[in-house]
Amino acid sequence: MRIELSILLIILGCALVTFIPRVIPFLVVRNMNLPEIVLKWLSFIPICIFTALVVNSFITKDHSYLSIDWRVLTAIIPTLIIALWTKSLSVTVIVGIVCMATVRTIL
């Protein structure tokens, strides 16, 4: 397989453009003392993003009405139970992937 230089440069450029906005905020903020209210507000961001992703995956729009994708919901329920029980992100992600793979295989 041969890689064209232009394609390689595009891939490296995309990686750099994606990497910079994810790393620079951490580098800037790590040496700062943020007010307590800002820290509390920032603590809710991962929950909000996760909730938006989960809800977006199982609520679908068919024509002009909303419906629930029951296949996805059957994978979300055991994953949520494991998340509440273990409080481990790694275990939760692994269980979620296994549940979704099982649901897609079976249904």
PDB file of N, CA and C in Angstrom:
ATOM      1  N   MET A   1       0.842  -1.180   0.000  1.00  0.00           N
ATOM      2  CA  MET A   1       0.000   0.000   0.000  1.00  0.00           C
ATOM      3  C   MET A   1       0.887   1.243   0.000  1.00  0.00           C
ATOM      4  N   ARG A   2       0.568   2.182  -0.841  1.00  0.00           N
ATOM      5  CA  ARG A   2       1.335   3.408  -0.977  1.00  0.00           C
ATOM      6  C   ARG A   2       0.516   4.588  -0.479  1.00  0.00           C
ATOM      7  N   ILE A   3       1.147   5.420   0.328  1.00  0.00           N
ATOM      8  CA  ILE A   3       0.459   6.598   0.870  1.00  0.00           C
ATOM      9  C   ILE A   3       0.973   7.841   0.142  1.00  0.00           C
ATOM     10  N   GLU A   4       0.048   8.587  -0.405  1.00  0.00           N
ATOM     11  CA  GLU A   4       0.408   9.842  -1.056  1.00  0.00           C
ATOM     12  C   GLU A   4       0.805  10.867   0.006  1.00  0.00           C
ATOM     13  N   LEU A   5       1.775  11.679  -0.292  1.00  0.00           N
ATOM     14  CA  LEU A   5       2.242  12.700   0.643  1.00  0.00           C
ATOM     15  C   LEU A   5       1.128  13.679   0.979  1.00  0.00           C
ATOM     16  N   SER A   6       0.333  14.069   0.004  1.00  0.00           N
ATOM     17  CA  SER A   6      -0.739  15.034   0.261  1.00  0.00           C
ATOM     18  C   SER A   6      -1.781  14.454   1.226  1.00  0.00           C
ATOM     19  N   ILE A   7      -2.108  13.168   1.075  1.00  0.00           N
ATOM     20  CA  ILE A   7      -3.079  12.536   1.980  1.00  0.00           C
ATOM     21  C   ILE A   7      -2.494  12.459   3.386  1.00  0.00           C
ATOM     22  N   LEU A   8      -1.226  12.113   3.495  1.00  0.00           N
ATOM     23  CA  LEU A   8      -0.572  12.049   4.804  1.00  0.00           C
ATOM     24  C   LEU A   8      -0.557  13.418   5.475  1.00  0.00           C
ATOM     25  N   LEU A   9      -0.271  14.457   4.714  1.00  0.00           N
ATOM     26  CA  LEU A   9      -0.268  15.819   5.277  1.00  0.00           C
ATOM     27  C   LEU A   9      -1.673  16.241   5.713  1.00  0.00           C
ATOM     28  N   ILE A  10      -2.688  15.850   4.955  1.00  0.00           N
ATOM     29  CA  ILE A  10      -4.067  16.167   5.340  1.00  0.00           C
ATOM     30  C   ILE A  10      -4.424  15.462   6.644  1.00  0.00           C
ATOM     31  N   ILE A  11      -4.054  14.191   6.765  1.00  0.00           N
ATOM     32  CA  ILE A  11      -4.339  13.438   7.993  1.00  0.00           C
ATOM     33  C   ILE A  11      -3.613  14.061   9.179  1.00  0.00           C
ATOM     34  N   LEU A  12      -2.356  14.397   9.014  1.00  0.00           N
ATOM     35  CA  LEU A  12      -1.591  15.027  10.106  1.00  0.00           C
ATOM     36  C   LEU A  12      -2.168  16.399  10.461  1.00  0.00           C
ATOM     37  N   GLY A  13      -2.590  17.165   9.466  1.00  0.00           N
ATOM     38  CA  GLY A  13      -3.204  18.466   9.723  1.00  0.00           C
ATOM     39  C   GLY A  13      -4.514  18.331  10.486  1.00  0.00           C
ATOM     40  N   CYS A  14      -5.329  17.362  10.087  1.00  0.00           N
ATOM     41  CA  CYS A  14      -6.596  17.126  10.800  1.00  0.00           C
ATOM     42  C   CYS A  14      -6.335  16.691  12.240  1.00  0.00           C
ATOM     43  N   ALA A  15      -5.323  15.842  12.433  1.00  0.00           N
ATOM     44  CA  ALA A  15      -4.982  15.405  13.786  1.00  0.00           C
ATOM     45  C   ALA A  15      -4.538  16.595  14.633  1.00  0.00           C
ATOM     46  N   LEU A  16      -3.738  17.468  14.076  1.00  0.00           N
ATOM     47  CA  LEU A  16      -3.265  18.646  14.804  1.00  0.00           C
ATOM     48  C   LEU A  16      -4.418  19.584  15.149  1.00  0.00           C
ATOM     49  N   VAL A  17      -5.301  19.818  14.177  1.00  0.00           N
ATOM     50  CA  VAL A  17      -6.436  20.718  14.405  1.00  0.00           C
ATOM     51  C   VAL A  17      -7.385  20.131  15.453  1.00  0.00           C
ATOM     52  N   THR A  18      -7.496  18.823  15.518  1.00  0.00           N
ATOM     53  CA  THR A  18      -8.346  18.184  16.521  1.00  0.00           C
ATOM     54  C   THR A  18      -7.659  18.178  17.884  1.00  0.00           C
ATOM     55  N   PHE A  19      -6.359  17.970  17.894  1.00  0.00           N
ATOM     56  CA  PHE A  19      -5.601  17.845  19.140  1.00  0.00           C
ATOM     57  C   PHE A  19      -5.468  19.182  19.881  1.00  0.00           C
ATOM     58  N   ILE A  20      -5.207  20.243  19.154  1.00  0.00           N
ATOM     59  CA  ILE A  20      -4.944  21.549  19.780  1.00  0.00           C
ATOM     60  C   ILE A  20      -6.096  22.031  20.670  1.00  0.00           C
ATOM     61  N   PRO A  21      -7.349  22.085  20.191  1.00  0.00           N
ATOM     62  CA  PRO A  21      -8.397  22.596  21.081  1.00  0.00           C
ATOM     63  C   PRO A  21      -8.719  21.671  22.250  1.00  0.00           C
ATOM     64  N   ARG A  22      -8.283  20.426  22.181  1.00  0.00           N
ATOM     65  CA  ARG A  22      -8.531  19.520  23.303  1.00  0.00           C
ATOM     66  C   ARG A  22      -7.444  19.616  24.370  1.00  0.00           C
ATOM     67  N   VAL A  23      -6.240  19.991  23.989  1.00  0.00           N
ATOM     68  CA  VAL A  23      -5.125  20.003  24.932  1.00  0.00           C
ATOM     69  C   VAL A  23      -4.856  21.387  25.504  1.00  0.00           C
ATOM     70  N   ILE A  24      -4.931  22.424  24.703  1.00  0.00           N
ATOM     71  CA  ILE A  24      -4.592  23.781  25.159  1.00  0.00           C
ATOM     72  C   ILE A  24      -5.413  24.220  26.369  1.00  0.00           C
ATOM     73  N   PRO A  25      -6.735  23.988  26.411  1.00  0.00           N
ATOM     74  CA  PRO A  25      -7.465  24.390  27.621  1.00  0.00           C
ATOM     75  C   PRO A  25      -6.936  23.722  28.892  1.00  0.00           C
ATOM     76  N   PHE A  26      -6.543  22.464  28.807  1.00  0.00           N
ATOM     77  CA  PHE A  26      -5.994  21.793  29.985  1.00  0.00           C
ATOM     78  C   PHE A  26      -4.647  22.387  30.387  1.00  0.00           C
ATOM     79  N   LEU A  27      -3.827  22.729  29.415  1.00  0.00           N
ATOM     80  CA  LEU A  27      -2.533  23.327  29.719  1.00  0.00           C
ATOM     81  C   LEU A  27      -2.678  24.709  30.346  1.00  0.00           C
ATOM     82  N   VAL A  28      -3.663  25.471  29.875  1.00  0.00           N
ATOM     83  CA  VAL A  28      -3.873  26.824  30.393  1.00  0.00           C
ATOM     84  C   VAL A  28      -4.471  26.779  31.798  1.00  0.00           C
ATOM     85  N   VAL A  29      -5.428  25.893  32.019  1.00  0.00           N
ATOM     86  CA  VAL A  29      -6.183  25.884  33.276  1.00  0.00           C
ATOM     87  C   VAL A  29      -5.464  25.140  34.394  1.00  0.00           C
ATOM     88  N   ARG A  30      -4.560  24.235  34.068  1.00  0.00           N
ATOM     89  CA  ARG A  30      -3.966  23.396  35.120  1.00  0.00           C
ATOM     90  C   ARG A  30      -3.173  24.185  36.166  1.00  0.00           C
ATOM     91  N   ASN A  31      -2.633  25.335  35.814  1.00  0.00           N
ATOM     92  CA  ASN A  31      -1.871  26.137  36.771  1.00  0.00           C
ATOM     93  C   ASN A  31      -2.689  27.274  37.376  1.00  0.00           C
ATOM     94  N   MET A  32      -3.974  27.307  37.099  1.00  0.00           N
ATOM     95  CA  MET A  32      -4.835  28.369  37.619  1.00  0.00           C
ATOM     96  C   MET A  32      -5.676  27.850  38.771  1.00  0.00           C
ATOM     97  N   ASN A  33      -5.990  28.707  39.694  1.00  0.00           N
ATOM     98  CA  ASN A  33      -6.939  28.385  40.751  1.00  0.00           C
ATOM     99  C   ASN A  33      -8.291  28.960  40.357  1.00  0.00           C
ATOM    100  N   LEU A  34      -9.188  28.095  39.983  1.00  0.00           N
ATOM    101  CA  LEU A  34     -10.508  28.537  39.548  1.00  0.00           C
ATOM    102  C   LEU A  34     -11.426  28.704  40.742  1.00  0.00           C
ATOM    103  N   PRO A  35     -12.362  29.643  40.665  1.00  0.00           N
ATOM    104  CA  PRO A  35     -13.328  29.816  41.755  1.00  0.00           C
ATOM    105  C   PRO A  35     -14.170  28.546  41.942  1.00  0.00           C
ATOM    106  N   GLU A  36     -14.653  28.348  43.134  1.00  0.00           N
ATOM    107  CA  GLU A  36     -15.436  27.149  43.472  1.00  0.00           C
ATOM    108  C   GLU A  36     -16.673  27.008  42.592  1.00  0.00           C
ATOM    109  N   ILE A  37     -17.325  28.127  42.293  1.00  0.00           N
ATOM    110  CA  ILE A  37     -18.535  28.059  41.472  1.00  0.00           C
ATOM    111  C   ILE A  37     -18.217  27.574  40.056  1.00  0.00           C
ATOM    112  N   VAL A  38     -17.071  27.959  39.518  1.00  0.00           N
ATOM    113  CA  VAL A  38     -16.661  27.501  38.187  1.00  0.00           C
ATOM    114  C   VAL A  38     -16.358  26.006  38.222  1.00  0.00           C
ATOM    115  N   LEU A  39     -15.674  25.545  39.258  1.00  0.00           N
ATOM    116  CA  LEU A  39     -15.374  24.117  39.389  1.00  0.00           C
ATOM    117  C   LEU A  39     -16.653  23.295  39.508  1.00  0.00           C
ATOM    118  N   LYS A  40     -17.617  23.816  40.261  1.00  0.00           N
ATOM    119  CA  LYS A  40     -18.885  23.105  40.405  1.00  0.00           C
ATOM    120  C   LYS A  40     -19.609  23.046  39.061  1.00  0.00           C
ATOM    121  N   TRP A  41     -19.623  24.148  38.333  1.00  0.00           N
ATOM    122  CA  TRP A  41     -20.261  24.178  37.023  1.00  0.00           C
ATOM    123  C   TRP A  41     -19.569  23.209  36.065  1.00  0.00           C
ATOM    124  N   LEU A  42     -18.244  23.191  36.062  1.00  0.00           N
ATOM    125  CA  LEU A  42     -17.496  22.290  35.185  1.00  0.00           C
ATOM    126  C   LEU A  42     -17.729  20.822  35.534  1.00  0.00           C
ATOM    127  N   SER A  43     -18.051  20.530  36.776  1.00  0.00           N
ATOM    128  CA  SER A  43     -18.276  19.138  37.167  1.00  0.00           C
ATOM    129  C   SER A  43     -19.531  18.553  36.519  1.00  0.00           C
ATOM    130  N   PHE A  44     -20.457  19.412  36.082  1.00  0.00           N
ATOM    131  CA  PHE A  44     -21.688  18.931  35.453  1.00  0.00           C
ATOM    132  C   PHE A  44     -21.544  18.699  33.951  1.00  0.00           C
ATOM    133  N   ILE A  45     -20.508  19.211  33.349  1.00  0.00           N
ATOM    134  CA  ILE A  45     -20.368  19.108  31.895  1.00  0.00           C
ATOM    135  C   ILE A  45     -20.305  17.655  31.407  1.00  0.00           C
ATOM    136  N   PRO A  46     -19.491  16.770  31.986  1.00  0.00           N
ATOM    137  CA  PRO A  46     -19.486  15.386  31.482  1.00  0.00           C
ATOM    138  C   PRO A  46     -20.854  14.716  31.581  1.00  0.00           C
ATOM    139  N   ILE A  47     -21.596  14.986  32.633  1.00  0.00           N
ATOM    140  CA  ILE A  47     -22.926  14.397  32.789  1.00  0.00           C
ATOM    141  C   ILE A  47     -23.850  14.906  31.690  1.00  0.00           C
ATOM    142  N   CYS A  48     -23.787  16.183  31.401  1.00  0.00           N
ATOM    143  CA  CYS A  48     -24.649  16.762  30.361  1.00  0.00           C
ATOM    144  C   CYS A  48     -24.319  16.181  28.991  1.00  0.00           C
ATOM    145  N   ILE A  49     -23.047  16.074  28.684  1.00  0.00           N
ATOM    146  CA  ILE A  49     -22.648  15.535  27.388  1.00  0.00           C
ATOM    147  C   ILE A  49     -23.061  14.080  27.273  1.00  0.00           C
ATOM    148  N   PHE A  50     -22.823  13.298  28.320  1.00  0.00           N
ATOM    149  CA  PHE A  50     -23.188  11.882  28.310  1.00  0.00           C
ATOM    150  C   PHE A  50     -24.700  11.718  28.138  1.00  0.00           C
ATOM    151  N   THR A  51     -25.468  12.507  28.858  1.00  0.00           N
ATOM    152  CA  THR A  51     -26.927  12.429  28.756  1.00  0.00           C
ATOM    153  C   THR A  51     -27.392  12.779  27.347  1.00  0.00           C
ATOM    154  N   ALA A  52     -26.818  13.807  26.762  1.00  0.00           N
ATOM    155  CA  ALA A  52     -27.200  14.189  25.403  1.00  0.00           C
ATOM    156  C   ALA A  52     -26.890  13.077  24.409  1.00  0.00           C
ATOM    157  N   LEU A  53     -25.750  12.439  24.555  1.00  0.00           N
ATOM    158  CA  LEU A  53     -25.389  11.345  23.652  1.00  0.00           C
ATOM    159  C   LEU A  53     -26.316  10.148  23.818  1.00  0.00           C
ATOM    160  N   VAL A  54     -26.629   9.808  25.063  1.00  0.00           N
ATOM    161  CA  VAL A  54     -27.488   8.649  25.314  1.00  0.00           C
ATOM    162  C   VAL A  54     -28.900   8.899  24.808  1.00  0.00           C
ATOM    163  N   VAL A  55     -29.458  10.032  25.142  1.00  0.00           N
ATOM    164  CA  VAL A  55     -30.824  10.341  24.721  1.00  0.00           C
ATOM    165  C   VAL A  55     -30.893  10.425  23.198  1.00  0.00           C
ATOM    166  N   ASN A  56     -29.891  11.012  22.587  1.00  0.00           N
ATOM    167  CA  ASN A  56     -29.862  11.121  21.135  1.00  0.00           C
ATOM    168  C   ASN A  56     -29.813   9.748  20.461  1.00  0.00           C
ATOM    169  N   SER A  57     -29.236   8.760  21.130  1.00  0.00           N
ATOM    170  CA  SER A  57     -29.106   7.445  20.511  1.00  0.00           C
ATOM    171  C   SER A  57     -30.382   6.622  20.574  1.00  0.00           C
ATOM    172  N   PHE A  58     -31.237   6.829  21.550  1.00  0.00           N
ATOM    173  CA  PHE A  58     -32.426   5.983  21.616  1.00  0.00           C
ATOM    174  C   PHE A  58     -33.742   6.693  21.303  1.00  0.00           C
ATOM    175  N   ILE A  59     -33.725   7.989  21.170  1.00  0.00           N
ATOM    176  CA  ILE A  59     -34.927   8.694  20.712  1.00  0.00           C
ATOM    177  C   ILE A  59     -34.693   9.093  19.262  1.00  0.00           C
ATOM    178  N   THR A  60     -35.536   8.567  18.386  1.00  0.00           N
ATOM    179  CA  THR A  60     -35.388   8.828  16.962  1.00  0.00           C
ATOM    180  C   THR A  60     -36.626   9.545  16.430  1.00  0.00           C
ATOM    181  N   LYS A  61     -36.454  10.157  15.296  1.00  0.00           N
ATOM    182  CA  LYS A  61     -37.582  10.859  14.669  1.00  0.00           C
ATOM    183  C   LYS A  61     -37.978  10.087  13.419  1.00  0.00           C
ATOM    184  N   ASP A  62     -39.183   9.534  13.441  1.00  0.00           N
ATOM    185  CA  ASP A  62     -39.742   8.855  12.281  1.00  0.00           C
ATOM    186  C   ASP A  62     -40.802   9.747  11.672  1.00  0.00           C
ATOM    187  N   HIS A  63     -40.521  10.226  10.482  1.00  0.00           N
ATOM    188  CA  HIS A  63     -41.415  11.137   9.766  1.00  0.00           C
ATOM    189  C   HIS A  63     -41.683  12.378  10.613  1.00  0.00           C
ATOM    190  N   SER A  64     -42.829  12.476  11.259  1.00  0.00           N
ATOM    191  CA  SER A  64     -43.130  13.706  11.999  1.00  0.00           C
ATOM    192  C   SER A  64     -43.305  13.467  13.491  1.00  0.00           C
ATOM    193  N   TYR A  65     -42.963  12.285  13.983  1.00  0.00           N
ATOM    194  CA  TYR A  65     -43.121  12.030  15.415  1.00  0.00           C
ATOM    195  C   TYR A  65     -41.878  11.358  15.989  1.00  0.00           C
ATOM    196  N   LEU A  66     -41.729  11.482  17.293  1.00  0.00           N
ATOM    197  CA  LEU A  66     -40.583  10.889  17.975  1.00  0.00           C
ATOM    198  C   LEU A  66     -40.920   9.464  18.378  1.00  0.00           C
ATOM    199  N   SER A  67     -39.923   8.594  18.326  1.00  0.00           N
ATOM    200  CA  SER A  67     -40.115   7.214  18.763  1.00  0.00           C
ATOM    201  C   SER A  67     -38.869   6.742  19.497  1.00  0.00           C
ATOM    202  N   ILE A  68     -39.003   5.649  20.194  1.00  0.00           N
ATOM    203  CA  ILE A  68     -37.905   5.088  20.976  1.00  0.00           C
ATOM    204  C   ILE A  68     -37.346   3.889  20.234  1.00  0.00           C
ATOM    205  N   ASP A  69     -36.032   3.844  20.120  1.00  0.00           N
ATOM    206  CA  ASP A  69     -35.364   2.678  19.538  1.00  0.00           C
ATOM    207  C   ASP A  69     -35.178   1.661  20.665  1.00  0.00           C
ATOM    208  N   TRP A  70     -36.059   0.686  20.708  1.00  0.00           N
ATOM    209  CA  TRP A  70     -36.078  -0.278  21.813  1.00  0.00           C
ATOM    210  C   TRP A  70     -34.828  -1.131  21.859  1.00  0.00           C
ATOM    211  N   ARG A  71     -34.177  -1.351  20.718  1.00  0.00           N
ATOM    212  CA  ARG A  71     -32.933  -2.120  20.724  1.00  0.00           C
ATOM    213  C   ARG A  71     -31.867  -1.392  21.536  1.00  0.00           C
ATOM    214  N   VAL A  72     -31.743  -0.105  21.302  1.00  0.00           N
ATOM    215  CA  VAL A  72     -30.749   0.682  22.035  1.00  0.00           C
ATOM    216  C   VAL A  72     -31.121   0.768  23.514  1.00  0.00           C
ATOM    217  N   LEU A  73     -32.398   0.934  23.789  1.00  0.00           N
ATOM    218  CA  LEU A  73     -32.842   1.042  25.179  1.00  0.00           C
ATOM    219  C   LEU A  73     -32.560  -0.253  25.949  1.00  0.00           C
ATOM    220  N   THR A  74     -32.681  -1.408  25.284  1.00  0.00           N
ATOM    221  CA  THR A  74     -32.376  -2.672  25.968  1.00  0.00           C
ATOM    222  C   THR A  74     -30.887  -2.805  26.290  1.00  0.00           C
ATOM    223  N   ALA A  75     -30.041  -2.098  25.592  1.00  0.00           N
ATOM    224  CA  ALA A  75     -28.613  -2.091  25.921  1.00  0.00           C
ATOM    225  C   ALA A  75     -28.293  -1.031  26.974  1.00  0.00           C
ATOM    226  N   ILE A  76     -29.052   0.059  26.977  1.00  0.00           N
ATOM    227  CA  ILE A  76     -28.796   1.146  27.924  1.00  0.00           C
ATOM    228  C   ILE A  76     -29.162   0.741  29.355  1.00  0.00           C
ATOM    229  N   ILE A  77     -30.245   0.013  29.529  1.00  0.00           N
ATOM    230  CA  ILE A  77     -30.720  -0.311  30.884  1.00  0.00           C
ATOM    231  C   ILE A  77     -29.691  -1.114  31.684  1.00  0.00           C
ATOM    232  N   PRO A  78     -29.162  -2.253  31.176  1.00  0.00           N
ATOM    233  CA  PRO A  78     -28.150  -2.952  31.969  1.00  0.00           C
ATOM    234  C   PRO A  78     -26.866  -2.133  32.149  1.00  0.00           C
ATOM    235  N   THR A  79     -26.541  -1.329  31.154  1.00  0.00           N
ATOM    236  CA  THR A  79     -25.350  -0.480  31.272  1.00  0.00           C
ATOM    237  C   THR A  79     -25.527   0.546  32.380  1.00  0.00           C
ATOM    238  N   LEU A  80     -26.705   1.148  32.460  1.00  0.00           N
ATOM    239  CA  LEU A  80     -26.993   2.116  33.522  1.00  0.00           C
ATOM    240  C   LEU A  80     -26.944   1.455  34.898  1.00  0.00           C
ATOM    241  N   ILE A  81     -27.482   0.246  35.004  1.00  0.00           N
ATOM    242  CA  ILE A  81     -27.455  -0.475  36.282  1.00  0.00           C
ATOM    243  C   ILE A  81     -26.010  -0.744  36.707  1.00  0.00           C
ATOM    244  N   ILE A  82     -25.181  -1.189  35.767  1.00  0.00           N
ATOM    245  CA  ILE A  82     -23.766  -1.448  36.070  1.00  0.00           C
ATOM    246  C   ILE A  82     -23.054  -0.150  36.442  1.00  0.00           C
ATOM    247  N   ALA A  83     -23.375   0.941  35.762  1.00  0.00           N
ATOM    248  CA  ALA A  83     -22.745   2.231  36.065  1.00  0.00           C
ATOM    249  C   ALA A  83     -23.071   2.679  37.479  1.00  0.00           C
ATOM    250  N   LEU A  84     -24.328   2.529  37.874  1.00  0.00           N
ATOM    251  CA  LEU A  84     -24.723   2.919  39.227  1.00  0.00           C
ATOM    252  C   LEU A  84     -24.130   1.991  40.277  1.00  0.00           C
ATOM    253  N   TRP A  85     -23.997   0.724  39.932  1.00  0.00           N
ATOM    254  CA  TRP A  85     -23.493  -0.263  40.883  1.00  0.00           C
ATOM    255  C   TRP A  85     -21.983  -0.158  41.074  1.00  0.00           C
ATOM    256  N   THR A  86     -21.222  -0.071  39.970  1.00  0.00           N
ATOM    257  CA  THR A  86     -19.758  -0.087  40.065  1.00  0.00           C
ATOM    258  C   THR A  86     -19.146   1.302  40.178  1.00  0.00           C
ATOM    259  N   LYS A  87     -19.809   2.295  39.611  1.00  0.00           N
ATOM    260  CA  LYS A  87     -19.284   3.670  39.550  1.00  0.00           C
ATOM    261  C   LYS A  87     -17.909   3.711  38.868  1.00  0.00           C
ATOM    262  N   SER A  88     -17.715   2.798  37.923  1.00  0.00           N
ATOM    263  CA  SER A  88     -16.457   2.708  37.185  1.00  0.00           C
ATOM    264  C   SER A  88     -16.724   3.000  35.717  1.00  0.00           C
ATOM    265  N   LEU A  89     -16.043   4.000  35.184  1.00  0.00           N
ATOM    266  CA  LEU A  89     -16.235   4.367  33.791  1.00  0.00           C
ATOM    267  C   LEU A  89     -15.784   3.245  32.862  1.00  0.00           C
ATOM    268  N   SER A  90     -14.660   2.629  33.167  1.00  0.00           N
ATOM    269  CA  SER A  90     -14.135   1.562  32.307  1.00  0.00           C
ATOM    270  C   SER A  90     -15.094   0.386  32.241  1.00  0.00           C
ATOM    271  N   VAL A  91     -15.556  -0.075  33.393  1.00  0.00           N
ATOM    272  CA  VAL A  91     -16.485  -1.208  33.428  1.00  0.00           C
ATOM    273  C   VAL A  91     -17.777  -0.848  32.712  1.00  0.00           C
ATOM    274  N   THR A  92     -18.268   0.357  32.924  1.00  0.00           N
ATOM    275  CA  THR A  92     -19.506   0.800  32.288  1.00  0.00           C
ATOM    276  C   THR A  92     -19.365   0.815  30.774  1.00  0.00           C
ATOM    277  N   VAL A  93     -18.269   1.341  30.263  1.00  0.00           N
ATOM    278  CA  VAL A  93     -18.057   1.392  28.818  1.00  0.00           C
ATOM    279  C   VAL A  93     -17.973  -0.014  28.236  1.00  0.00           C
ATOM    280  N   ILE A  94     -17.241  -0.897  28.909  1.00  0.00           N
ATOM    281  CA  ILE A  94     -17.106  -2.276  28.420  1.00  0.00           C
ATOM    282  C   ILE A  94     -18.462  -2.979  28.414  1.00  0.00           C
ATOM    283  N   VAL A  95     -19.211  -2.845  29.494  1.00  0.00           N
ATOM    284  CA  VAL A  95     -20.541  -3.468  29.562  1.00  0.00           C
ATOM    285  C   VAL A  95     -21.459  -2.871  28.488  1.00  0.00           C
ATOM    286  N   GLY A  96     -21.398  -1.580  28.286  1.00  0.00           N
ATOM    287  CA  GLY A  96     -22.221  -0.948  27.257  1.00  0.00           C
ATOM    288  C   GLY A  96     -21.895  -1.449  25.865  1.00  0.00           C
ATOM    289  N   ILE A  97     -20.619  -1.599  25.576  1.00  0.00           N
ATOM    290  CA  ILE A  97     -20.210  -2.103  24.261  1.00  0.00           C
ATOM    291  C   ILE A  97     -20.665  -3.542  24.072  1.00  0.00           C
ATOM    292  N   VAL A  98     -20.485  -4.367  25.099  1.00  0.00           N
ATOM    293  CA  VAL A  98     -20.915  -5.769  25.030  1.00  0.00           C
ATOM    294  C   VAL A  98     -22.434  -5.865  24.880  1.00  0.00           C
ATOM    295  N   CYS A  99     -23.159  -5.066  25.637  1.00  0.00           N
ATOM    296  CA  CYS A  99     -24.628  -5.078  25.532  1.00  0.00           C
ATOM    297  C   CYS A  99     -25.098  -4.651  24.150  1.00  0.00           C
ATOM    298  N   MET A 100     -24.513  -3.589  23.625  1.00  0.00           N
ATOM    299  CA  MET A 100     -24.928  -3.113  22.299  1.00  0.00           C
ATOM    300  C   MET A 100     -24.557  -4.126  21.229  1.00  0.00           C
ATOM    301  N   ALA A 101     -23.380  -4.730  21.331  1.00  0.00           N
ATOM    302  CA  ALA A 101     -22.990  -5.749  20.352  1.00  0.00           C
ATOM    303  C   ALA A 101     -23.924  -6.948  20.420  1.00  0.00           C
ATOM    304  N   THR A 102     -24.299  -7.339  21.625  1.00  0.00           N
ATOM    305  CA  THR A 102     -25.222  -8.469  21.791  1.00  0.00           C
ATOM    306  C   THR A 102     -26.591  -8.139  21.206  1.00  0.00           C
ATOM    307  N   VAL A 103     -27.092  -6.959  21.499  1.00  0.00           N
ATOM    308  CA  VAL A 103     -28.396  -6.554  20.970  1.00  0.00           C
ATOM    309  C   VAL A 103     -28.376  -6.512  19.448  1.00  0.00           C
ATOM    310  N   ARG A 104     -27.324  -5.968  18.872  1.00  0.00           N
ATOM    311  CA  ARG A 104     -27.240  -5.891  17.396  1.00  0.00           C
ATOM    312  C   ARG A 104     -27.101  -7.266  16.768  1.00  0.00           C
ATOM    313  N   THR A 105     -26.455  -8.181  17.473  1.00  0.00           N
ATOM    314  CA  THR A 105     -26.323  -9.548  16.957  1.00  0.00           C
ATOM    315  C   THR A 105     -27.646 -10.304  17.016  1.00  0.00           C
ATOM    316  N   ILE A 106     -28.341 -10.152  18.130  1.00  0.00           N
ATOM    317  CA  ILE A 106     -29.579 -10.901  18.351  1.00  0.00           C
ATOM    318  C   ILE A 106     -30.765 -10.288  17.608  1.00  0.00           C
ATOM    319  N   LEU A 107     -30.927  -8.983  17.735  1.00  0.00           N
ATOM    320  CA  LEU A 107     -32.131  -8.331  17.163  1.00  0.00           C
ATOM    321  C   LEU A 107     -31.868  -7.796  15.786  1.00  0.00           C
TER     322      LEU A 107
END
